[in-house]
């Protein structure tokens, strides 16, 4: 078997190690090129994944698998990391630890891609930990900022707990089946259905849902997200919300739907409850936030609730809708956080000692002070609310439509009730997005017009193009998502 399909992981791993060596051997003023080198590596990996989007192969004794599911999530992780790296060229241009910063981003991306390709529970856990350890450090990268250190500590403590819960669930599955290989687990459950419905297996499912729920920030496992997103460097918040969060979803697709086939109904009911509570809680709490980063954090929690609906009916269309919404959310949320970073840059330009740079008041008159950033935020907010034509609309439409079809086919009132709740939540989210839009375009500016840094603008506009592009021309993305869903369901 050719290892060429693993080229993105190999490229980024080698590049991350090379960057560390460059940092050790060069002077601080020479480190500004490291960001461009990291972006080049990510672009090369992204182009390779796009060229092999339907690639298939297994590696390392079936521990890693390349298939349409892994490829589309690799696409998500690479796009988010590329946007973050481009924006970071401005954000960390004067930081003497740029080599460590970019190396951690690349290695965290490798961990995310390993999770996407994991075909074994041990491999899955190793990928989670590689990505998590890197992002723990990134969250506290502003070492002189107490809020950043607090964010990193909370993220580390809760992340460690989630890893323990997930690992315990995996150990129970191994105890039942005698294997950590996901296809072998499937085969065991199919030939031993009584074990699949045993109390021990139900407990294993509960621990796995809890572990993955922490990674996905589903209520009640969400408590780390608002404080971590608010305290982390804003571009790192973009990576956490738009990138690493998706690890939990691809792992759930692999394990909870693909492996625990025999107890799928229990998974469906659990995710139905979690999804409804998560989207409702996230939207309601977001309304009262004046910190835009916290508002986006709670909005991200609500979006996780929408994506979790893919597990409620587990049809090919619903899984495809969840994958599409994950792709759209990655573009919208990463762009939104980077736009907030621009506002922070503007506030600090006016007053280097300013606090709470993401306060709502700082967005007053943004349409006149930074027109590109304001317009981009306008697009991202409408997309997050599910307004067409956007990636957010396409994902929600496919997902909600799939559940509606299944509700009609089953004559199920509770499925229709879930769809109605999801639509009402989407409408509710328009309120807090519209409030920020009002500040940007109706209220007078709080300062003079400022030149928006080019790296920020490039990253934001790329996210805008992706967000609108998926909405205007969704066919290839729907096709990729349907191929990924067929892998999940084994059809």
Protein backbone atom coordinates (compact mmCIF):
# COMPACT_ATOMS: atom_id res chain seq x y z
CA UNK A 1 0.00 0.00 0.00
CA UNK A 2 1.35 3.40 -1.00
CA UNK A 3 1.71 5.89 1.81
CA UNK A 4 1.09 8.83 -0.53
CA UNK A 5 -2.45 9.25 0.85
CA UNK A 6 -0.85 10.16 4.18
CA UNK A 7 1.14 12.96 2.53
CA UNK A 8 -0.69 15.78 4.41
CA UNK A 9 0.12 14.29 7.81
CA UNK A 10 3.73 13.62 6.77
CA UNK A 11 4.20 17.12 5.34
CA UNK A 12 2.84 18.91 8.39
CA UNK A 13 4.70 16.71 10.88
CA UNK A 14 8.04 17.25 9.16
CA UNK A 15 7.32 20.95 8.71
CA UNK A 16 6.43 21.33 12.40
CA UNK A 17 9.75 19.75 13.42
CA UNK A 18 11.67 21.85 10.88
CA UNK A 19 10.05 25.03 12.24
CA UNK A 20 11.21 24.13 15.75
CA UNK A 21 14.77 23.74 14.44
CA UNK A 22 14.51 27.03 12.56
CA UNK A 23 13.46 28.73 15.79
CA UNK A 24 16.46 27.32 17.61
CA UNK A 25 18.96 28.33 14.94
CA UNK A 26 17.73 31.77 13.82
CA UNK A 27 17.36 35.20 15.38
CA UNK A 28 14.01 36.62 16.45
CA UNK A 29 13.76 39.06 13.53
CA UNK A 30 14.11 36.17 11.07
CA UNK A 31 11.14 34.29 12.53
CA UNK A 32 8.54 36.39 10.71
CA UNK A 33 8.95 34.12 7.68
CA UNK A 34 7.82 31.07 9.66
CA UNK A 35 4.16 32.06 9.27
CA UNK A 36 4.49 32.11 5.49
CA UNK A 37 6.28 28.76 5.54
CA UNK A 38 3.47 27.25 7.66
CA UNK A 39 0.84 28.64 5.28
CA UNK A 40 2.69 27.13 2.31
CA UNK A 41 2.72 23.70 3.98
CA UNK A 42 -0.98 23.90 4.76
CA UNK A 43 -1.81 24.98 1.20
CA UNK A 44 0.18 22.06 -0.22
CA UNK A 45 -1.64 19.64 2.11
CA UNK A 46 -5.00 21.19 1.25
CA UNK A 47 -4.39 20.87 -2.49
CA UNK A 48 -3.40 17.23 -2.01
CA UNK A 49 -6.55 16.41 -0.04
CA UNK A 50 -8.75 18.12 -2.64
CA UNK A 51 -7.04 16.08 -5.36
CA UNK A 52 -7.69 12.85 -3.45
CA UNK A 53 -11.05 13.68 -1.90
CA UNK A 54 -12.39 10.20 -2.73
CA UNK A 55 -9.15 8.38 -1.93
CA UNK A 56 -9.36 4.99 -0.21
CA UNK A 57 -6.77 3.02 1.74
CA UNK A 58 -5.86 1.46 5.08
CA UNK A 59 -2.53 1.75 6.90
CA UNK A 60 -0.64 0.40 9.90
CA UNK A 61 -2.58 -2.83 10.31
CA UNK A 62 -5.93 -1.14 9.72
CA UNK A 63 -5.32 1.48 12.44
CA UNK A 64 -5.73 4.35 9.96
CA UNK A 65 -8.19 4.52 7.10
CA UNK A 66 -8.45 7.00 4.25
CA UNK A 67 -12.00 7.36 2.95
CA UNK A 68 -14.44 10.14 1.97
CA UNK A 69 -15.33 10.76 5.64
CA UNK A 70 -11.73 11.29 6.71
CA UNK A 71 -10.97 13.40 3.63
CA UNK A 72 -13.80 15.91 4.08
CA UNK A 73 -12.93 16.43 7.75
CA UNK A 74 -9.25 16.80 6.82
CA UNK A 75 -10.43 19.47 4.41
CA UNK A 76 -12.20 21.22 7.29
CA UNK A 77 -9.18 21.05 9.60
CA UNK A 78 -6.75 22.25 6.95
CA UNK A 79 -8.94 25.16 5.86
CA UNK A 80 -9.40 26.38 9.43
CA UNK A 81 -5.69 26.03 10.25
CA UNK A 82 -4.75 27.89 7.07
CA UNK A 83 -7.07 30.79 7.91
CA UNK A 84 -5.70 30.92 11.47
CA UNK A 85 -2.08 30.87 10.27
CA UNK A 86 -2.70 33.64 7.74
CA UNK A 87 -4.37 35.82 10.38
CA UNK A 88 -1.61 35.02 12.88
CA UNK A 89 0.98 36.61 10.60
CA UNK A 90 -0.40 39.93 11.85
CA UNK A 91 -1.47 38.80 15.33
CA UNK A 92 1.90 37.34 16.36
CA UNK A 93 4.28 39.26 14.09
CA UNK A 94 6.26 40.69 17.04
CA UNK A 95 6.15 37.56 19.20
CA UNK A 96 9.58 36.01 19.79
CA UNK A 97 7.99 32.56 20.20
CA UNK A 98 6.52 32.37 16.70
CA UNK A 99 8.35 29.12 15.98
CA UNK A 100 6.65 27.38 18.90
CA UNK A 101 3.29 28.89 18.02
CA UNK A 102 3.23 27.76 14.40
CA UNK A 103 4.70 24.35 15.22
CA UNK A 104 1.90 23.79 17.74
CA UNK A 105 -0.74 24.77 15.17
CA UNK A 106 0.70 22.32 12.63
CA UNK A 107 0.98 19.48 15.15
CA UNK A 108 -2.54 20.09 16.44
CA UNK A 109 -3.75 19.90 12.83
CA UNK A 110 -1.95 16.58 12.43
CA UNK A 111 -3.72 15.31 15.56
CA UNK A 112 -7.09 16.38 14.16
CA UNK A 113 -6.38 14.58 10.88
CA UNK A 114 -5.35 11.42 12.76
CA UNK A 115 -8.72 11.50 14.55
CA UNK A 116 -10.48 11.86 11.19
CA UNK A 117 -8.66 8.79 9.84
CA UNK A 118 -8.68 6.69 13.03
CA UNK A 119 -9.98 3.17 12.50
CA UNK A 120 -8.93 1.99 15.94
CA UNK A 121 -9.84 3.28 19.40
CA UNK A 122 -6.19 3.58 20.46
CA UNK A 123 -5.34 5.59 17.35
CA UNK A 124 -8.38 7.74 17.98
CA UNK A 125 -7.24 8.51 21.52
CA UNK A 126 -3.66 9.29 20.42
CA UNK A 127 -4.98 11.73 17.81
CA UNK A 128 -7.21 13.43 20.36
CA UNK A 129 -4.34 13.86 22.79
CA UNK A 130 -1.90 15.18 20.18
CA UNK A 131 -4.39 17.85 19.12
CA UNK A 132 -5.50 18.59 22.69
CA UNK A 133 -2.01 18.96 24.17
CA UNK A 134 -1.10 21.43 21.44
CA UNK A 135 -4.25 23.51 21.87
CA UNK A 136 -3.87 23.59 25.68
CA UNK A 137 -0.59 25.45 25.18
CA UNK A 138 -2.00 27.66 22.41
CA UNK A 139 -4.89 28.76 24.64
CA UNK A 140 -2.41 30.12 27.18
CA UNK A 141 0.05 31.51 24.67
CA UNK A 142 -0.33 35.09 25.90
CA UNK A 143 1.66 34.33 29.04
CA UNK A 144 1.38 37.84 30.48
CA UNK A 145 -2.39 37.88 30.12
CA UNK A 146 -4.10 36.36 33.21
CA UNK A 147 -7.26 35.68 31.19
CA UNK A 148 -5.27 33.60 28.70
CA UNK A 149 -3.65 31.56 31.46
CA UNK A 150 -7.01 31.03 33.13
CA UNK A 151 -8.50 29.90 29.81
CA UNK A 152 -5.69 27.40 29.29
CA UNK A 153 -6.01 26.01 32.82
CA UNK A 154 -9.77 25.52 32.55
CA UNK A 155 -9.39 23.98 29.13
CA UNK A 156 -6.69 21.61 30.40
CA UNK A 157 -8.66 20.47 33.47
CA UNK A 158 -11.92 19.87 31.62
CA UNK A 159 -10.10 18.38 28.64
CA UNK A 160 -8.28 15.93 30.89
CA UNK A 161 -11.56 14.89 32.47
CA UNK A 162 -13.15 14.33 29.06
CA UNK A 163 -10.17 12.25 27.96
CA UNK A 164 -10.51 10.10 31.07
CA UNK A 165 -14.22 9.52 30.45
CA UNK A 166 -13.62 8.69 26.81
CA UNK A 167 -10.76 6.33 27.62
CA UNK A 168 -12.86 4.53 30.24
CA UNK A 169 -15.65 4.04 27.70
CA UNK A 170 -13.13 2.68 25.21
CA UNK A 171 -11.76 0.27 27.81
CA UNK A 172 -15.25 -1.06 28.44
CA UNK A 173 -15.78 -1.61 24.71
CA UNK A 174 -12.46 -3.46 24.59
CA UNK A 175 -13.49 -5.54 27.59
CA UNK A 176 -16.70 -6.56 25.83
CA UNK A 177 -15.32 -7.21 22.36
CA UNK A 178 -11.67 -8.05 22.96
CA UNK A 179 -10.63 -5.60 20.25
CA UNK A 180 -9.95 -1.90 19.76
CA UNK A 181 -10.31 -2.07 15.97
CA UNK A 182 -13.57 -0.44 14.92
CA UNK A 183 -14.43 -2.91 12.08
CA UNK A 184 -13.75 -5.80 14.47
CA UNK A 185 -16.05 -4.20 17.06
CA UNK A 186 -18.78 -3.93 14.43
CA UNK A 187 -18.36 -7.58 13.49
CA UNK A 188 -18.53 -8.62 17.14
CA UNK A 189 -21.74 -6.71 17.80
CA UNK A 190 -23.36 -8.12 14.68
CA UNK A 191 -22.57 -11.71 15.65
CA UNK A 192 -23.27 -11.21 19.40
CA UNK A 193 -26.34 -8.94 19.60
CA UNK A 194 -27.02 -9.81 23.25
CA UNK A 195 -23.71 -8.27 24.30
CA UNK A 196 -24.55 -5.12 22.31
CA UNK A 197 -27.64 -4.53 24.45
CA UNK A 198 -26.08 -5.48 27.77
CA UNK A 199 -25.92 -3.05 30.67
CA UNK A 200 -22.12 -2.92 30.39
CA UNK A 201 -22.35 -1.83 26.76
CA UNK A 202 -24.91 0.86 27.64
CA UNK A 203 -22.51 2.18 30.29
CA UNK A 204 -19.73 2.20 27.70
CA UNK A 205 -21.95 4.21 25.36
CA UNK A 206 -22.73 6.73 28.12
CA UNK A 207 -19.03 7.33 28.85
CA UNK A 208 -18.21 7.65 25.16
CA UNK A 209 -21.03 10.18 24.63
CA UNK A 210 -19.79 12.12 27.66
CA UNK A 211 -16.20 12.11 26.39
CA UNK A 212 -17.15 13.14 22.88
CA UNK A 213 -19.70 15.59 24.28
CA UNK A 214 -16.92 17.52 26.04
CA UNK A 215 -14.99 17.75 22.77
CA UNK A 216 -18.12 18.91 20.91
CA UNK A 217 -19.16 21.29 23.74
CA UNK A 218 -22.63 19.81 24.06
CA UNK A 219 -24.63 20.77 27.16
CA UNK A 220 -23.99 19.79 29.98
CA UNK A 221 -20.37 19.23 28.88
CA UNK A 222 -19.95 22.78 27.56
CA UNK A 223 -18.72 24.66 30.63
CA UNK A 224 -15.14 25.06 29.39
CA UNK A 225 -16.00 26.68 26.05
CA UNK A 226 -17.11 30.28 26.90
CA UNK A 227 -14.23 31.02 29.29
CA UNK A 228 -11.66 29.33 27.05
CA UNK A 229 -12.78 31.10 23.88
CA UNK A 230 -12.92 34.45 25.66
CA UNK A 231 -9.53 34.19 27.35
CA UNK A 232 -7.54 32.60 24.55
CA UNK A 233 -5.81 34.71 21.89
CA UNK A 234 -8.59 35.49 19.43
CA UNK A 235 -7.02 33.65 16.50
CA UNK A 236 -6.56 30.60 18.75
CA UNK A 237 -10.25 30.82 19.69
CA UNK A 238 -10.90 30.55 15.97
CA UNK A 239 -8.92 27.30 15.82
CA UNK A 240 -10.67 25.88 18.89
CA UNK A 241 -14.22 26.77 17.85
CA UNK A 242 -13.97 26.04 14.15
CA UNK A 243 -11.36 23.27 14.04
CA UNK A 244 -10.65 21.14 17.08
CA UNK A 245 -14.31 21.04 18.07
CA UNK A 246 -15.05 19.03 14.91
CA UNK A 247 -12.84 16.20 16.19
CA UNK A 248 -15.62 15.17 18.53
CA UNK A 249 -18.11 14.94 15.68
CA UNK A 250 -15.97 12.87 13.34
CA UNK A 251 -15.10 10.55 16.25
CA UNK A 252 -18.79 10.20 17.08
CA UNK A 253 -19.51 9.38 13.44
CA UNK A 254 -16.83 6.71 13.51
CA UNK A 255 -17.59 5.14 16.88
CA UNK A 256 -21.14 5.84 18.03
CA UNK A 257 -22.84 5.36 14.67
CA UNK A 258 -20.46 3.05 12.87
CA UNK A 259 -19.37 0.78 15.72
CA UNK A 260 -22.28 0.69 18.16
CA UNK A 261 -24.72 -0.38 15.46
CA UNK A 262 -26.79 -2.67 17.63
CA UNK A 263 -27.69 0.05 20.16
CA UNK A 264 -28.22 2.85 17.67
CA UNK A 265 -31.67 3.75 19.01
CA UNK A 266 -30.21 4.52 22.42
CA UNK A 267 -27.65 6.78 20.73
CA UNK A 268 -30.43 8.50 18.79
CA UNK A 269 -32.50 9.29 21.85
CA UNK A 270 -29.50 10.48 23.83
CA UNK A 271 -28.43 12.82 21.05
CA UNK A 272 -31.98 14.09 20.54
CA UNK A 273 -32.11 15.24 24.16
CA UNK A 274 -28.58 16.66 24.09
CA UNK A 275 -29.16 18.48 20.78
CA UNK A 276 -32.38 20.20 21.86
CA UNK A 277 -30.98 21.29 25.23
CA UNK A 278 -27.69 22.44 23.67
CA UNK A 279 -29.13 24.59 20.89
CA UNK A 280 -31.72 26.18 23.17
CA UNK A 281 -29.31 26.91 26.00
CA UNK A 282 -26.64 28.27 23.67
CA UNK A 283 -28.98 30.70 21.93
CA UNK A 284 -30.71 31.92 25.08
CA UNK A 285 -27.46 32.65 26.94
CA UNK A 286 -25.88 34.28 23.86
CA UNK A 287 -28.59 36.98 23.91
CA UNK A 288 -27.31 38.52 27.16
CA UNK A 289 -23.60 38.63 26.23
CA UNK A 290 -21.77 41.90 25.68
CA UNK A 291 -18.44 40.20 24.99
CA UNK A 292 -18.56 39.23 21.32
CA UNK A 293 -16.17 36.33 21.92
CA UNK A 294 -18.48 34.92 24.59
CA UNK A 295 -21.45 35.52 22.32
CA UNK A 296 -19.70 33.57 19.56
CA UNK A 297 -18.82 30.88 22.10
CA UNK A 298 -22.45 30.35 23.09
CA UNK A 299 -23.43 30.60 19.43
CA UNK A 300 -20.90 27.84 18.75
CA UNK A 301 -22.52 25.74 21.47
CA UNK A 302 -25.89 26.24 19.77
CA UNK A 303 -24.38 25.27 16.40
CA UNK A 304 -23.03 22.09 18.00
CA UNK A 305 -26.62 21.31 18.97
CA UNK A 306 -27.72 21.65 15.36
CA UNK A 307 -24.92 19.39 14.10
CA UNK A 308 -25.77 16.80 16.78
CA UNK A 309 -29.20 16.42 15.14
CA UNK A 310 -27.41 14.32 12.51
CA UNK A 311 -27.33 11.49 15.07
CA UNK A 312 -31.05 11.61 15.77
CA UNK A 313 -32.24 9.72 12.67
CA UNK A 314 -28.86 8.50 11.31
CA UNK A 315 -29.91 8.37 7.65
CA UNK A 316 -27.52 9.10 4.82
CA UNK A 317 -29.09 12.51 4.26
CA UNK A 318 -29.01 13.49 7.94
CA UNK A 319 -25.36 12.51 8.31
CA UNK A 320 -24.59 14.43 5.11
CA UNK A 321 -26.43 17.45 6.53
CA UNK A 322 -24.37 17.25 9.72
CA UNK A 323 -21.13 17.06 7.73
CA UNK A 324 -22.20 20.01 5.55
CA UNK A 325 -23.09 22.07 8.61
CA UNK A 326 -19.74 21.22 10.19
CA UNK A 327 -17.99 22.47 7.04
CA UNK A 328 -20.06 25.64 6.96
CA UNK A 329 -19.59 26.27 10.67
CA UNK A 330 -15.82 25.94 10.27
CA UNK A 331 -15.78 28.68 7.63
CA UNK A 332 -18.26 30.99 9.38
CA UNK A 333 -16.91 30.70 12.89
CA UNK A 334 -13.23 30.93 11.98
CA UNK A 335 -13.93 34.04 9.91
CA UNK A 336 -16.01 35.62 12.66
CA UNK A 337 -13.34 35.17 15.34
CA UNK A 338 -10.64 36.53 13.00
CA UNK A 339 -12.86 39.58 12.36
CA UNK A 340 -13.13 40.07 16.13
CA UNK A 341 -9.32 39.93 16.25
CA UNK A 342 -9.26 42.87 13.81
CA UNK A 343 -11.48 44.88 16.17
CA UNK A 344 -9.11 44.05 19.03
CA UNK A 345 -6.21 45.27 16.90
CA UNK A 346 -8.06 48.55 16.26
CA UNK A 347 -8.88 49.08 19.92
CA UNK A 348 -5.28 48.48 20.99
CA UNK A 349 -4.10 50.83 18.24
CA UNK A 350 -6.18 53.57 19.87
CA UNK A 351 -5.20 52.61 23.42
CA UNK A 352 -2.51 50.03 24.14
CA UNK A 353 -3.77 49.60 27.70
CA UNK A 354 -7.37 48.95 26.69
CA UNK A 355 -9.22 46.07 28.32
CA UNK A 356 -12.19 44.05 27.03
CA UNK A 357 -11.29 44.69 23.40
CA UNK A 358 -14.20 42.52 22.24
CA UNK A 359 -16.87 44.50 24.11
CA UNK A 360 -19.96 45.29 22.05
CA UNK A 361 -19.35 49.04 22.32
CA UNK A 362 -16.11 48.66 20.36
CA UNK A 363 -18.11 47.51 17.34
CA UNK A 364 -20.03 50.81 17.09
CA UNK A 365 -19.58 52.33 13.63
CA UNK A 366 -17.34 49.49 12.48
CA UNK A 367 -18.83 49.79 9.00
CA UNK A 368 -17.10 53.16 8.64
CA UNK A 369 -13.89 52.38 10.56
CA UNK A 370 -13.17 48.97 8.97
CA UNK A 371 -15.61 48.36 6.09
CA UNK A 372 -14.16 45.01 4.97
CA UNK A 373 -14.23 43.56 8.48
CA UNK A 374 -17.75 44.86 9.12
CA UNK A 375 -19.12 43.48 5.85
CA UNK A 376 -17.47 40.12 6.51
CA UNK A 377 -19.00 39.93 10.00
CA UNK A 378 -22.35 40.80 8.44
CA UNK A 379 -22.00 37.84 6.06
CA UNK A 380 -20.86 35.45 8.80
CA UNK A 381 -23.71 36.42 11.13
CA UNK A 382 -26.36 35.94 8.45
CA UNK A 383 -24.80 32.59 7.52
CA UNK A 384 -24.71 31.45 11.15
CA UNK A 385 -28.40 32.32 11.39
CA UNK A 386 -29.07 30.15 8.33
CA UNK A 387 -29.91 32.90 5.86
CA UNK A 388 -29.40 31.94 2.15
CA UNK A 389 -27.30 31.85 0.10
CA UNK A 390 -24.71 30.60 2.54
CA UNK A 391 -23.04 27.45 3.81
CA UNK A 392 -25.06 27.76 7.02
CA UNK A 393 -28.33 27.68 5.11
CA UNK A 394 -27.36 24.66 2.99
CA UNK A 395 -26.24 22.63 5.99
CA UNK A 396 -29.32 23.40 8.04
CA UNK A 397 -31.66 22.85 5.09
CA UNK A 398 -30.30 19.40 4.27
CA UNK A 399 -30.22 18.39 7.95
CA UNK A 400 -33.69 19.68 8.87
CA UNK A 401 -35.19 18.34 5.65
CA UNK A 402 -33.76 14.86 6.31
CA UNK A 403 -35.33 14.74 9.76
CA UNK A 404 -38.67 15.98 8.39
CA UNK A 405 -38.68 13.24 5.75
CA UNK A 406 -37.97 10.61 8.39
CA UNK A 407 -40.67 12.07 10.66
CA UNK A 408 -43.26 11.76 7.88
CA UNK A 409 -42.09 8.25 6.98
CA UNK A 410 -42.34 7.12 10.61
CA UNK A 411 -45.40 9.25 11.41
CA UNK A 412 -43.35 10.52 14.31
CA UNK A 413 -44.59 13.60 16.13
CA UNK A 414 -41.47 13.87 18.32
CA UNK A 415 -39.20 14.14 15.28
CA UNK A 416 -41.36 16.94 13.88
CA UNK A 417 -41.22 18.61 17.28
CA UNK A 418 -37.40 18.52 17.18
CA UNK A 419 -37.36 20.13 13.71
CA UNK A 420 -39.70 22.89 14.90
CA UNK A 421 -37.49 23.56 17.92
CA UNK A 422 -34.42 23.75 15.68
CA UNK A 423 -36.10 26.22 13.31
CA UNK A 424 -37.28 28.39 16.21
CA UNK A 425 -33.77 28.39 17.64
CA UNK A 426 -32.38 29.52 14.29
CA UNK A 427 -34.88 32.37 14.30
CA UNK A 428 -33.96 33.27 17.89
CA UNK A 429 -30.29 33.54 16.97
CA UNK A 430 -31.08 36.30 14.49
CA UNK A 431 -31.74 38.66 17.42
CA UNK A 432 -28.23 38.71 18.88
CA UNK A 433 -26.59 38.71 15.46
CA UNK A 434 -28.78 41.63 14.36
CA UNK A 435 -27.83 43.55 17.51
CA UNK A 436 -24.15 43.50 16.52
CA UNK A 437 -25.04 44.43 12.93
CA UNK A 438 -26.97 47.41 14.28
CA UNK A 439 -23.94 48.55 16.26
CA UNK A 440 -21.72 48.24 13.19
CA UNK A 441 -23.91 50.11 10.72
CA UNK A 442 -26.33 52.32 12.68
CA UNK A 443 -24.37 53.72 15.62
CA UNK A 444 -21.64 56.37 15.14
CA UNK A 445 -17.99 55.18 15.11
CA UNK A 446 -15.93 55.27 18.30
CA UNK A 447 -12.71 56.23 16.53
CA UNK A 448 -11.07 57.13 13.24
CA UNK A 449 -10.98 54.88 10.21
CA UNK A 450 -7.99 52.53 10.36
CA UNK A 451 -6.14 50.49 7.76
CA UNK A 452 -7.02 46.84 8.18
CA UNK A 453 -3.88 44.63 8.17
CA UNK A 454 -3.53 42.66 4.93
CA UNK A 455 -3.13 39.17 6.49
CA UNK A 456 -6.35 39.65 8.47
CA UNK A 457 -8.19 40.85 5.37
CA UNK A 458 -6.95 37.92 3.28
CA UNK A 459 -8.03 35.37 5.90
CA UNK A 460 -11.44 36.99 6.38
CA UNK A 461 -12.16 37.32 2.66
CA UNK A 462 -11.18 33.68 2.05
CA UNK A 463 -13.70 32.66 4.71
CA UNK A 464 -16.35 34.90 3.13
CA UNK A 465 -15.73 33.41 -0.31
CA UNK A 466 -16.01 29.90 1.12
CA UNK A 467 -19.16 30.71 3.09
CA UNK A 468 -20.98 32.24 0.12
CA UNK A 469 -19.45 29.83 -2.41
CA UNK A 470 -20.81 26.74 -0.66
CA UNK A 471 -24.24 28.42 -0.54
CA UNK A 472 -24.29 29.40 -4.21
CA UNK A 473 -22.75 26.22 -5.61
CA UNK A 474 -23.46 23.45 -3.08
CA UNK A 475 -23.58 20.44 -5.42
CA UNK A 476 -19.97 19.23 -5.09
CA UNK A 477 -20.03 19.71 -1.33
CA UNK A 478 -23.33 17.85 -1.00
CA UNK A 479 -21.84 15.05 -3.08
CA UNK A 480 -18.76 14.89 -0.82
CA UNK A 481 -20.98 14.89 2.26
CA UNK A 482 -23.18 12.11 0.87
CA UNK A 483 -20.08 10.00 0.12
CA UNK A 484 -18.88 10.59 3.68
CA UNK A 485 -22.30 9.60 5.03
CA UNK A 486 -22.23 6.37 3.06
CA UNK A 487 -18.97 5.50 4.83
CA UNK A 488 -20.51 6.23 8.22
CA UNK A 489 -23.46 3.95 7.56
CA UNK A 490 -21.42 1.31 5.75
CA UNK A 491 -23.54 1.46 2.59
